[in-house]
Amino acid sequence: MLKIENLHAKVGDKEILKGVSLTIRDGEIHALMGTNGAGKSTLSNVIVGNPSYEVTAGSITFNGQDLLAMSPEERAHAGIFMSFQAPIEIPGVSMTNFMRAAVNARREAQGKEPLKSTDFLKLMREKRKLVEIDQKLMNRSVNEGFSGGERKRN
């Protein structure tokens, strides 16, 4: 569960968030909508721990943990991260190698052993089907030549 209480945050000298409160329970999906300048991106950046944003009041907890006390890396290992609307290409790094490095980095942070190649490939097949990514993309460089839809699913 993600719980935000009376959150205030600023960028430089400009206060953007002025008392945001929100609770998202396990299994719920929320869409944040608003005009430009409403604070949607600021809220997202504060949640992931972007150092350009300063929290001046309030709290954020994630599954009972104080999110504001965690580094961005610790937040990512806990499952809090931001993806990009138009992710960049990473030439020379295959999707399979990229995903295996990401999975094993999270496992390491959780005190688990890295997955063996065969176990990772089995997991990758299962998850690839879940998000409908074509097997052909797995050997290509990250996002290189992917369509917009392929990038988003990736």
Protein backbone atom coordinates (compact mmCIF):
# COMPACT_ATOMS: atom_id res chain seq x y z
CA MET A 1 0.00 0.00 0.00
CA LEU A 2 1.16 3.51 -0.83
CA LYS A 3 0.07 6.21 1.60
CA ILE A 4 0.82 9.89 1.09
CA GLU A 5 -0.15 12.28 3.88
CA ASN A 6 -0.11 16.10 3.71
CA LEU A 7 2.83 16.10 1.31
CA HIS A 8 4.48 19.43 0.53
CA ALA A 9 7.37 19.63 -1.93
CA LYS A 10 9.28 22.24 -3.86
CA VAL A 11 11.67 22.58 -6.75
CA GLY A 12 14.22 25.29 -6.08
CA ASP A 13 12.28 28.07 -4.39
CA LYS A 14 8.91 27.16 -5.92
CA GLU A 15 6.49 25.11 -3.80
CA ILE A 16 4.55 22.79 -6.11
CA LEU A 17 2.85 20.27 -3.84
CA LYS A 18 0.77 21.86 -1.11
CA GLY A 19 -0.75 19.21 1.11
CA VAL A 20 -1.29 16.19 -1.16
CA SER A 21 -2.86 13.14 0.48
CA LEU A 22 -3.54 9.87 -1.31
CA THR A 23 -3.93 6.21 -0.36
CA ILE A 24 -3.52 3.45 -2.93
CA ARG A 25 -4.33 0.01 -1.54
CA ASP A 26 -2.94 -3.26 -2.89
CA GLY A 27 -4.59 -4.15 -6.19
CA GLU A 28 -5.99 -0.68 -6.85
CA ILE A 29 -5.18 1.31 -9.96
CA HIS A 30 -5.32 5.11 -9.92
CA ALA A 31 -4.92 7.61 -12.75
CA LEU A 32 -3.64 11.08 -11.91
CA MET A 33 -4.95 13.70 -14.28
CA GLY A 34 -4.75 17.46 -14.36
CA THR A 35 -3.65 20.49 -16.26
CA ASN A 36 -0.02 21.34 -16.96
CA GLY A 37 1.59 22.62 -13.78
CA ALA A 38 -0.84 20.79 -11.46
CA GLY A 39 1.99 18.75 -9.87
CA LYS A 40 1.57 15.29 -11.42
CA SER A 41 5.21 14.99 -12.49
CA THR A 42 6.42 16.59 -9.26
CA LEU A 43 4.50 14.02 -7.22
CA SER A 44 5.97 11.19 -9.32
CA ASN A 45 9.49 12.56 -8.97
CA VAL A 46 9.12 12.95 -5.20
CA ILE A 47 7.83 9.37 -4.86
CA VAL A 48 10.82 7.93 -6.75
CA GLY A 49 13.30 10.12 -4.84
CA ASN A 50 14.54 12.49 -7.52
CA PRO A 51 17.09 14.67 -5.65
CA SER A 52 15.99 17.83 -7.51
CA TYR A 53 12.77 17.82 -5.49
CA GLU A 54 12.68 18.71 -1.78
CA VAL A 55 9.97 17.45 0.54
CA THR A 56 9.20 20.19 3.07
CA ALA A 57 6.38 18.46 5.00
CA GLY A 58 4.32 15.29 5.08
CA SER A 59 5.06 11.62 4.70
CA ILE A 60 5.01 8.77 2.20
CA THR A 61 4.88 5.13 3.29
CA PHE A 62 5.04 2.10 1.02
CA ASN A 63 4.08 -1.26 2.50
CA GLY A 64 4.76 0.18 5.96
CA GLN A 65 8.21 1.56 5.09
CA ASP A 66 9.10 5.26 5.24
CA LEU A 67 9.72 5.95 1.59
CA LEU A 68 11.28 9.36 2.26
CA ALA A 69 14.03 7.71 4.33
CA MET A 70 15.01 5.45 1.42
CA SER A 71 17.46 6.25 -1.37
CA PRO A 72 16.18 6.14 -4.96
CA GLU A 73 17.98 2.80 -5.39
CA GLU A 74 16.29 1.35 -2.29
CA ARG A 75 12.93 2.56 -3.61
CA ALA A 76 13.58 0.88 -6.96
CA HIS A 77 14.49 -2.38 -5.23
CA ALA A 78 11.22 -2.13 -3.29
CA GLY A 79 9.34 -1.75 -6.59
CA ILE A 80 9.00 2.04 -6.82
CA PHE A 81 10.45 3.44 -10.03
CA MET A 82 9.46 5.67 -12.92
CA SER A 83 9.34 4.56 -16.52
CA PHE A 84 9.55 6.88 -19.46
CA GLN A 85 6.84 7.63 -21.99
CA ALA A 86 9.46 7.44 -24.74
CA PRO A 87 12.28 5.22 -23.41
CA ILE A 88 15.71 5.56 -24.99
CA GLU A 89 17.51 2.99 -27.12
CA ILE A 90 20.54 1.22 -25.65
CA PRO A 91 22.52 -0.10 -28.64
CA GLY A 92 24.59 -3.21 -28.00
CA VAL A 93 22.68 -4.37 -24.91
CA SER A 94 20.21 -7.15 -25.63
CA MET A 95 16.78 -7.12 -24.00
CA THR A 96 17.51 -10.47 -22.40
CA ASN A 97 20.79 -9.30 -20.84
CA PHE A 98 19.22 -6.03 -19.69
CA MET A 99 16.28 -7.77 -18.04
CA ARG A 100 18.48 -10.42 -16.42
CA ALA A 101 20.73 -7.71 -14.94
CA ALA A 102 17.66 -5.87 -13.59
CA VAL A 103 16.08 -8.99 -12.09
CA ASN A 104 19.33 -10.12 -10.49
CA ALA A 105 20.06 -6.64 -9.08
CA ARG A 106 16.69 -6.69 -7.34
CA ARG A 107 17.26 -10.26 -6.10
CA GLU A 108 20.64 -9.21 -4.70
CA ALA A 109 19.02 -6.29 -2.86
CA GLN A 110 16.55 -8.78 -1.36
CA GLY A 111 19.39 -11.04 -0.19
CA LYS A 112 18.61 -13.73 -2.78
CA GLU A 113 20.94 -15.59 -5.11
CA PRO A 114 20.98 -14.50 -8.77
CA LEU A 115 18.87 -16.62 -11.12
CA LYS A 116 20.71 -19.18 -13.19
CA SER A 117 20.44 -18.64 -16.94
CA THR A 118 17.95 -21.46 -17.46
CA ASP A 119 15.71 -20.27 -14.62
CA PHE A 120 15.84 -16.70 -15.87
CA LEU A 121 14.94 -17.70 -19.44
CA LYS A 122 11.95 -19.67 -18.13
CA LEU A 123 10.79 -16.64 -16.12
CA MET A 124 11.37 -14.38 -19.11
CA ARG A 125 9.19 -16.59 -21.34
CA GLU A 126 6.35 -16.45 -18.81
CA LYS A 127 6.52 -12.65 -18.38
CA ARG A 128 6.99 -12.01 -22.09
CA LYS A 129 3.71 -13.78 -22.82
CA LEU A 130 1.98 -11.83 -20.07
CA VAL A 131 2.85 -8.44 -21.63
CA GLU A 132 2.66 -9.72 -25.23
CA ILE A 133 6.24 -9.01 -26.29
CA ASP A 134 7.37 -10.95 -29.34
CA GLN A 135 10.25 -13.39 -28.74
CA LYS A 136 12.15 -11.82 -31.66
CA LEU A 137 12.62 -8.62 -29.63
CA MET A 138 14.49 -10.39 -26.83
CA ASN A 139 17.74 -10.68 -28.78
CA ARG A 140 17.60 -7.13 -30.12
CA SER A 141 19.19 -4.16 -28.40
CA VAL A 142 17.03 -2.45 -25.78
CA ASN A 143 14.29 -0.46 -27.57
CA GLU A 144 16.35 -0.27 -30.77
CA GLY A 145 13.93 -0.14 -33.70
CA PHE A 146 10.95 -0.95 -31.47
CA SER A 147 7.56 0.49 -32.37
CA GLY A 148 5.90 2.83 -29.88
CA GLY A 149 3.70 0.02 -28.56
CA GLU A 150 6.66 -2.36 -28.23
CA ARG A 151 8.59 0.26 -26.24
CA LYS A 152 5.68 0.79 -23.86
CA ARG A 153 5.13 -2.94 -23.27
CA ASN A 154 8.87 -3.34 -22.82
